[in-house]
């Protein structure tokens, strides 16, 4: 039983790594309804991106993020599919106009129709815990450095 679980875990990780390494570096902007290439990201620093966000917390608390740091659900952090780690974003909940500044330290969300996964603390600050998801506006304050 344990052997099957470990084999499944290794197989799943291998598929995820293959998809991550081979996937094109594309982000989607709701404003344009077309892909925005990562090489164009430096031109987006003053632009707003709109979409939907979700959040994650307890089940991932203490686990390693894609950046290698340990996830702390009480830090103001976020997961984005493509923005460089350590990018600083201002996220505004369109429902109540509350904002939070977060740092990108993880990859995700992996659900269609969502552009950002917020930490529990960041989601609480903008009042989206009860809803689970929120329509948001993201302002890129500073792009992180690619490693």
Protein backbone atom coordinates (compact mmCIF):
# COMPACT_ATOMS: atom_id res chain seq x y z
CA UNK A 1 0.00 0.00 0.00
CA UNK A 2 2.74 2.45 0.97
CA UNK A 3 4.73 1.40 -2.09
CA UNK A 4 1.79 2.25 -4.37
CA UNK A 5 1.39 5.66 -2.72
CA UNK A 6 5.10 6.46 -3.13
CA UNK A 7 5.05 5.27 -6.75
CA UNK A 8 1.99 7.45 -7.43
CA UNK A 9 3.65 10.44 -5.73
CA UNK A 10 6.85 10.06 -7.78
CA UNK A 11 4.87 9.61 -11.01
CA UNK A 12 2.67 12.66 -10.28
CA UNK A 13 5.68 14.80 -9.40
CA UNK A 14 7.41 13.76 -12.61
CA UNK A 15 4.39 14.74 -14.70
CA UNK A 16 4.07 18.07 -12.91
CA UNK A 17 7.76 18.85 -13.42
CA UNK A 18 7.54 17.91 -17.08
CA UNK A 19 4.50 20.11 -17.62
CA UNK A 20 6.08 22.98 -15.70
CA UNK A 21 9.35 22.80 -17.61
CA UNK A 22 7.76 22.43 -21.01
CA UNK A 23 4.87 24.86 -20.60
CA UNK A 24 5.19 28.15 -22.47
CA UNK A 25 5.76 31.20 -20.33
CA UNK A 26 2.41 32.92 -20.90
CA UNK A 27 0.18 34.97 -18.63
CA UNK A 28 -3.37 35.98 -19.45
CA UNK A 29 -4.69 39.48 -19.05
CA UNK A 30 -8.44 39.79 -18.65
CA UNK A 31 -8.21 43.26 -20.18
CA UNK A 32 -6.92 41.99 -23.50
CA UNK A 33 -8.39 38.48 -23.66
CA UNK A 34 -5.10 37.29 -25.21
CA UNK A 35 -1.87 35.81 -23.89
CA UNK A 36 0.77 38.19 -22.57
CA UNK A 37 4.29 36.84 -22.93
CA UNK A 38 6.62 36.96 -19.95
CA UNK A 39 9.10 39.04 -21.97
CA UNK A 40 6.44 41.75 -22.05
CA UNK A 41 6.06 41.75 -18.25
CA UNK A 42 8.43 44.68 -17.77
CA UNK A 43 6.03 46.77 -19.86
CA UNK A 44 3.16 45.79 -17.54
CA UNK A 45 4.54 47.33 -14.32
CA UNK A 46 2.03 50.19 -14.41
CA UNK A 47 -0.88 48.11 -15.68
CA UNK A 48 -3.79 46.58 -13.88
CA UNK A 49 -4.75 42.94 -14.33
CA UNK A 50 -8.27 41.81 -13.50
CA UNK A 51 -9.47 38.34 -12.70
CA UNK A 52 -10.51 36.00 -9.89
CA UNK A 53 -8.53 34.98 -6.84
CA UNK A 54 -8.82 32.15 -4.37
CA UNK A 55 -6.85 31.51 -1.20
CA UNK A 56 -5.07 28.71 0.60
CA UNK A 57 -4.15 28.23 4.22
CA UNK A 58 -4.13 25.51 6.85
CA UNK A 59 -3.67 22.48 4.59
CA UNK A 60 -0.49 23.99 3.08
CA UNK A 61 0.87 25.76 6.17
CA UNK A 62 4.45 24.65 6.85
CA UNK A 63 4.97 23.08 3.42
CA UNK A 64 7.58 24.30 0.97
CA UNK A 65 6.47 26.69 -1.75
CA UNK A 66 7.73 26.64 -5.33
CA UNK A 67 10.28 29.30 -4.39
CA UNK A 68 11.73 26.98 -1.75
CA UNK A 69 10.58 28.93 1.28
CA UNK A 70 8.15 27.52 3.82
CA UNK A 71 4.54 28.65 3.38
CA UNK A 72 3.18 30.64 6.31
CA UNK A 73 -0.55 31.25 6.03
CA UNK A 74 -0.16 34.39 8.18
CA UNK A 75 2.30 36.10 5.81
CA UNK A 76 0.98 38.36 3.07
CA UNK A 77 1.99 36.20 0.10
CA UNK A 78 0.52 34.95 -3.15
CA UNK A 79 0.91 32.30 -5.82
CA UNK A 80 0.96 33.29 -9.48
CA UNK A 81 1.56 31.02 -12.47
CA UNK A 82 4.28 33.08 -14.10
CA UNK A 83 5.29 36.34 -12.39
CA UNK A 84 8.84 36.20 -10.99
CA UNK A 85 9.23 35.29 -7.34
CA UNK A 86 9.47 38.31 -5.00
CA UNK A 87 7.22 40.40 -7.26
CA UNK A 88 5.18 42.84 -5.17
CA UNK A 89 1.48 43.17 -6.01
CA UNK A 90 -1.33 45.33 -4.73
CA UNK A 91 -4.50 43.22 -4.77
CA UNK A 92 -7.91 44.89 -4.49
CA UNK A 93 -11.18 43.08 -3.88
CA UNK A 94 -13.65 44.64 -6.35
CA UNK A 95 -16.62 43.79 -4.10
CA UNK A 96 -15.54 45.95 -1.15
CA UNK A 97 -12.54 47.94 -2.51
CA UNK A 98 -10.25 46.60 0.25
CA UNK A 99 -6.59 46.14 -0.72
CA UNK A 100 -3.53 44.24 0.45
CA UNK A 101 0.08 44.24 -0.71
CA UNK A 102 1.53 40.74 -1.23
CA UNK A 103 4.77 39.14 -2.37
CA UNK A 104 4.78 36.30 -4.93
CA UNK A 105 6.50 33.24 -3.45
CA UNK A 106 4.63 30.31 -5.00
CA UNK A 107 3.15 28.99 -8.25
CA UNK A 108 -0.55 28.63 -8.90
CA UNK A 109 -3.49 28.75 -8.96
CA UNK A 110 -4.04 25.57 -10.91
CA UNK A 111 -7.76 26.04 -11.38
CA UNK A 112 -9.19 27.47 -14.57
CA UNK A 113 -10.45 31.02 -14.36
CA UNK A 114 -8.24 32.11 -11.46
CA UNK A 115 -5.19 34.33 -11.72
CA UNK A 116 -3.96 34.44 -8.12
CA UNK A 117 -3.96 32.34 -4.94
CA UNK A 118 -3.63 34.46 -1.81
CA UNK A 119 -2.42 33.35 1.59
CA UNK A 120 -5.09 33.11 4.28
CA UNK A 121 -3.89 36.34 5.92
CA UNK A 122 -4.01 38.32 2.66
CA UNK A 123 -7.46 36.93 1.82
CA UNK A 124 -8.74 37.84 5.29
CA UNK A 125 -7.44 41.40 4.92
CA UNK A 126 -9.45 41.97 1.74
CA UNK A 127 -12.56 40.24 3.11
CA UNK A 128 -12.84 37.20 0.86
CA UNK A 129 -12.71 34.36 3.40
CA UNK A 130 -16.47 33.76 3.50
CA UNK A 131 -16.84 33.79 -0.29
CA UNK A 132 -13.71 31.72 -0.98
CA UNK A 133 -13.09 33.50 -4.26
CA UNK A 134 -13.18 37.14 -5.25
CA UNK A 135 -13.08 39.33 -8.33
CA UNK A 136 -9.85 41.28 -7.99
CA UNK A 137 -7.68 43.92 -9.56
CA UNK A 138 -3.91 43.36 -9.39
CA UNK A 139 -1.46 46.22 -9.70
CA UNK A 140 2.13 45.14 -10.28
CA UNK A 141 4.14 47.36 -7.96
CA UNK A 142 7.52 45.75 -8.59
CA UNK A 143 8.60 42.73 -10.60
CA UNK A 144 10.92 40.34 -8.80
CA UNK A 145 14.22 39.20 -10.24
CA UNK A 146 14.25 35.90 -12.11
CA UNK A 147 16.62 33.37 -10.61
